[in-house]
């Protein structure tokens, strides 16, 4: 696990917050995101990211809204 993720996890636990598995939401979907919404890269090839919990979703330059089940439903999915 990258050191940045270990640090974030430790920090979240200290503040009484917790990581939540988003059961029922697609695990992977395709969206453009703004740099300010990226907390850190994740994975071996840095093509996946840990995002802030209220990130903006974009598709082909069109703003779709803040992430929500309704916005995710409009985005392309990765199977």
N, C-alpha and C. Protein backbone atom coordinates (compact mmCIF):
# COMPACT_ATOMS: atom_id res chain seq x y z
N UNK A 1 0.85 -1.17 0.00
CA UNK A 1 0.00 0.00 0.00
C UNK A 1 0.90 1.24 0.00
N UNK A 2 0.65 2.18 -0.91
CA UNK A 2 1.47 3.39 -0.95
C UNK A 2 1.43 4.15 0.38
N UNK A 3 2.52 4.81 0.70
CA UNK A 3 2.62 5.52 1.96
C UNK A 3 1.55 6.60 2.10
N UNK A 4 1.20 7.26 1.01
CA UNK A 4 0.17 8.31 1.07
C UNK A 4 -1.16 7.73 1.52
N UNK A 5 -1.48 6.54 1.05
CA UNK A 5 -2.76 5.91 1.42
C UNK A 5 -2.71 5.48 2.88
N UNK A 6 -1.58 4.93 3.33
CA UNK A 6 -1.45 4.56 4.74
C UNK A 6 -1.63 5.79 5.63
N UNK A 7 -1.03 6.90 5.22
CA UNK A 7 -1.15 8.13 5.99
C UNK A 7 -2.61 8.59 6.05
N UNK A 8 -3.27 8.60 4.90
CA UNK A 8 -4.67 9.04 4.86
C UNK A 8 -5.55 8.15 5.73
N UNK A 9 -5.34 6.84 5.64
CA UNK A 9 -6.13 5.91 6.44
C UNK A 9 -5.91 6.16 7.93
N UNK A 10 -4.66 6.33 8.33
CA UNK A 10 -4.34 6.61 9.73
C UNK A 10 -4.99 7.92 10.18
N UNK A 11 -4.90 8.95 9.34
CA UNK A 11 -5.49 10.24 9.67
C UNK A 11 -7.01 10.14 9.82
N UNK A 12 -7.66 9.44 8.90
CA UNK A 12 -9.11 9.28 8.97
C UNK A 12 -9.51 8.56 10.25
N UNK A 13 -8.77 7.52 10.62
CA UNK A 13 -9.09 6.78 11.84
C UNK A 13 -8.91 7.66 13.07
N UNK A 14 -7.88 8.51 13.09
CA UNK A 14 -7.65 9.40 14.23
C UNK A 14 -8.77 10.41 14.41
N UNK A 15 -9.36 10.85 13.32
CA UNK A 15 -10.42 11.85 13.41
C UNK A 15 -11.80 11.23 13.58
N UNK A 16 -11.84 9.89 13.72
CA UNK A 16 -13.11 9.22 13.94
C UNK A 16 -13.89 8.96 12.67
N UNK A 17 -13.30 9.23 11.53
CA UNK A 17 -13.98 8.98 10.26
C UNK A 17 -13.66 7.57 9.81
N UNK A 18 -14.35 7.11 8.79
CA UNK A 18 -14.09 5.77 8.31
C UNK A 18 -14.21 5.73 6.80
N UNK A 19 -13.54 4.76 6.23
CA UNK A 19 -13.67 4.51 4.80
C UNK A 19 -14.92 3.68 4.58
N UNK A 20 -15.64 3.97 3.52
CA UNK A 20 -16.90 3.27 3.26
C UNK A 20 -16.81 2.58 1.92
N UNK A 21 -17.16 1.31 1.92
CA UNK A 21 -17.27 0.58 0.66
C UNK A 21 -18.62 0.93 0.07
N UNK A 22 -18.63 1.41 -1.14
CA UNK A 22 -19.87 1.88 -1.77
C UNK A 22 -20.60 0.72 -2.44
N UNK A 23 -21.15 -0.14 -1.64
CA UNK A 23 -21.90 -1.28 -2.16
C UNK A 23 -23.10 -0.76 -2.95
N UNK A 24 -23.33 -1.36 -4.09
CA UNK A 24 -24.46 -0.96 -4.92
C UNK A 24 -24.09 0.06 -5.99
N UNK A 25 -22.93 0.71 -5.85
CA UNK A 25 -22.46 1.62 -6.89
C UNK A 25 -21.47 0.87 -7.76
N UNK A 26 -21.34 1.30 -8.99
CA UNK A 26 -20.35 0.69 -9.87
C UNK A 26 -18.97 0.92 -9.29
N UNK A 27 -18.14 -0.09 -9.39
CA UNK A 27 -16.79 0.04 -8.86
C UNK A 27 -15.94 0.93 -9.74
N UNK A 28 -16.10 0.78 -11.03
CA UNK A 28 -15.31 1.59 -11.97
C UNK A 28 -16.24 2.26 -12.97
N UNK A 29 -16.09 3.54 -13.13
CA UNK A 29 -16.80 4.27 -14.16
C UNK A 29 -15.83 5.29 -14.74
N UNK A 30 -16.16 5.79 -15.90
CA UNK A 30 -15.25 6.68 -16.62
C UNK A 30 -15.77 8.11 -16.50
N UNK A 31 -14.92 9.00 -16.05
CA UNK A 31 -15.27 10.42 -15.97
C UNK A 31 -13.98 11.24 -16.03
N UNK A 32 -14.10 12.44 -16.51
CA UNK A 32 -13.00 13.39 -16.40
C UNK A 32 -13.16 14.06 -15.04
N UNK A 33 -12.06 14.31 -14.36
CA UNK A 33 -12.12 14.98 -13.06
C UNK A 33 -11.14 16.15 -13.06
N UNK A 34 -11.40 17.08 -12.19
CA UNK A 34 -10.53 18.23 -12.04
C UNK A 34 -9.36 17.86 -11.13
N UNK A 35 -8.20 18.45 -11.36
CA UNK A 35 -7.02 18.15 -10.55
C UNK A 35 -7.28 18.35 -9.06
N UNK A 36 -8.06 19.35 -8.70
CA UNK A 36 -8.29 19.63 -7.28
C UNK A 36 -9.14 18.55 -6.60
N UNK A 37 -9.77 17.67 -7.38
CA UNK A 37 -10.55 16.57 -6.80
C UNK A 37 -9.72 15.32 -6.55
N UNK A 38 -8.48 15.28 -7.03
CA UNK A 38 -7.63 14.10 -6.88
C UNK A 38 -6.83 14.22 -5.59
N UNK A 39 -7.00 13.23 -4.71
CA UNK A 39 -6.23 13.20 -3.47
C UNK A 39 -4.86 12.59 -3.74
N UNK A 40 -4.83 11.43 -4.42
CA UNK A 40 -3.55 10.81 -4.79
C UNK A 40 -3.81 9.72 -5.81
N UNK A 41 -2.78 9.37 -6.60
CA UNK A 41 -2.91 8.24 -7.53
C UNK A 41 -2.97 6.94 -6.73
N UNK A 42 -3.56 5.92 -7.34
CA UNK A 42 -3.71 4.63 -6.68
C UNK A 42 -3.45 3.53 -7.69
N UNK A 43 -2.78 2.50 -7.29
CA UNK A 43 -2.52 1.38 -8.19
C UNK A 43 -1.14 1.46 -8.79
N UNK A 44 -0.83 0.44 -9.56
CA UNK A 44 0.51 0.30 -10.10
C UNK A 44 0.82 1.26 -11.24
N UNK A 45 -0.16 1.60 -12.05
CA UNK A 45 0.13 2.42 -13.24
C UNK A 45 -0.36 3.86 -13.10
N UNK A 46 -0.78 4.26 -11.93
CA UNK A 46 -1.23 5.64 -11.66
C UNK A 46 -2.34 6.10 -12.60
N UNK A 47 -3.18 5.18 -13.05
CA UNK A 47 -4.33 5.56 -13.87
C UNK A 47 -5.62 5.53 -13.07
N UNK A 48 -5.54 5.13 -11.82
CA UNK A 48 -6.67 5.15 -10.91
C UNK A 48 -6.34 6.17 -9.83
N UNK A 49 -7.38 6.77 -9.25
CA UNK A 49 -7.15 7.82 -8.27
C UNK A 49 -8.08 7.67 -7.08
N UNK A 50 -7.61 8.11 -5.94
CA UNK A 50 -8.49 8.30 -4.80
C UNK A 50 -8.96 9.74 -4.90
N UNK A 51 -10.28 9.90 -4.92
CA UNK A 51 -10.88 11.22 -5.14
C UNK A 51 -11.53 11.74 -3.87
N UNK A 52 -11.71 13.05 -3.81
CA UNK A 52 -12.46 13.63 -2.71
C UNK A 52 -13.89 13.08 -2.75
N UNK A 53 -14.57 13.13 -1.63
CA UNK A 53 -15.89 12.49 -1.57
C UNK A 53 -16.98 13.24 -2.34
N UNK A 54 -16.72 14.46 -2.76
CA UNK A 54 -17.72 15.22 -3.53
C UNK A 54 -17.08 15.77 -4.79
N UNK A 55 -16.57 14.85 -5.62
CA UNK A 55 -15.88 15.30 -6.83
C UNK A 55 -16.86 15.57 -7.96
N UNK A 56 -16.43 16.41 -8.89
CA UNK A 56 -17.25 16.77 -10.05
C UNK A 56 -17.05 15.75 -11.16
N UNK A 57 -18.13 15.40 -11.85
CA UNK A 57 -18.06 14.45 -12.96
C UNK A 57 -18.26 15.19 -14.28
N UNK A 58 -17.43 14.86 -15.24
CA UNK A 58 -17.45 15.48 -16.56
C UNK A 58 -17.43 14.39 -17.62
N UNK A 59 -18.09 14.62 -18.73
CA UNK A 59 -18.00 13.72 -19.87
C UNK A 59 -17.91 14.54 -21.13
N UNK A 60 -16.83 14.37 -21.86
CA UNK A 60 -16.58 15.10 -23.11
C UNK A 60 -16.75 16.60 -22.93
N UNK A 61 -16.22 17.15 -21.82
CA UNK A 61 -16.27 18.58 -21.58
C UNK A 61 -17.58 19.08 -21.01
N UNK A 62 -18.55 18.21 -20.83
CA UNK A 62 -19.85 18.61 -20.27
C UNK A 62 -19.89 18.26 -18.79
N UNK A 63 -20.20 19.27 -17.95
CA UNK A 63 -20.31 19.05 -16.51
C UNK A 63 -21.60 18.31 -16.23
N UNK A 64 -21.50 17.15 -15.57
CA UNK A 64 -22.68 16.36 -15.26
C UNK A 64 -23.17 16.56 -13.84
N UNK A 65 -22.31 17.05 -12.96
CA UNK A 65 -22.72 17.29 -11.58
C UNK A 65 -21.75 16.67 -10.60
N UNK A 66 -22.05 16.87 -9.32
CA UNK A 66 -21.27 16.25 -8.26
C UNK A 66 -21.62 14.78 -8.19
N UNK A 67 -20.65 13.95 -7.90
CA UNK A 67 -20.87 12.51 -7.91
C UNK A 67 -22.08 12.13 -7.04
N UNK A 68 -22.91 11.29 -7.59
CA UNK A 68 -24.11 10.77 -6.91
C UNK A 68 -24.55 9.54 -7.69
N UNK A 69 -25.41 8.72 -7.14
CA UNK A 69 -25.89 7.57 -7.91
C UNK A 69 -26.52 7.97 -9.24
N UNK A 70 -27.22 9.09 -9.27
CA UNK A 70 -27.86 9.55 -10.50
C UNK A 70 -26.83 9.96 -11.56
N UNK A 71 -25.79 10.67 -11.13
CA UNK A 71 -24.74 11.10 -12.07
C UNK A 71 -23.95 9.88 -12.55
N UNK A 72 -23.61 8.97 -11.65
CA UNK A 72 -22.88 7.77 -12.04
C UNK A 72 -23.67 6.96 -13.06
N UNK A 73 -24.98 6.93 -12.93
CA UNK A 73 -25.82 6.19 -13.88
C UNK A 73 -25.67 6.73 -15.30
N UNK A 74 -25.32 8.00 -15.44
CA UNK A 74 -25.17 8.62 -16.76
C UNK A 74 -23.78 8.42 -17.36
N UNK A 75 -22.83 7.95 -16.58
CA UNK A 75 -21.45 7.81 -17.03
C UNK A 75 -21.19 6.43 -17.64
N UNK A 76 -20.23 6.34 -18.57
CA UNK A 76 -19.84 5.03 -19.10
C UNK A 76 -19.21 4.18 -17.99
N UNK A 77 -19.44 2.89 -18.03
CA UNK A 77 -18.92 1.96 -17.01
C UNK A 77 -17.81 1.10 -17.59
N UNK A 78 -16.94 0.64 -16.71
CA UNK A 78 -15.88 -0.29 -17.09
C UNK A 78 -16.25 -1.64 -16.50
N UNK A 79 -16.25 -2.65 -17.34
CA UNK A 79 -16.61 -3.98 -16.83
C UNK A 79 -15.40 -4.85 -16.65
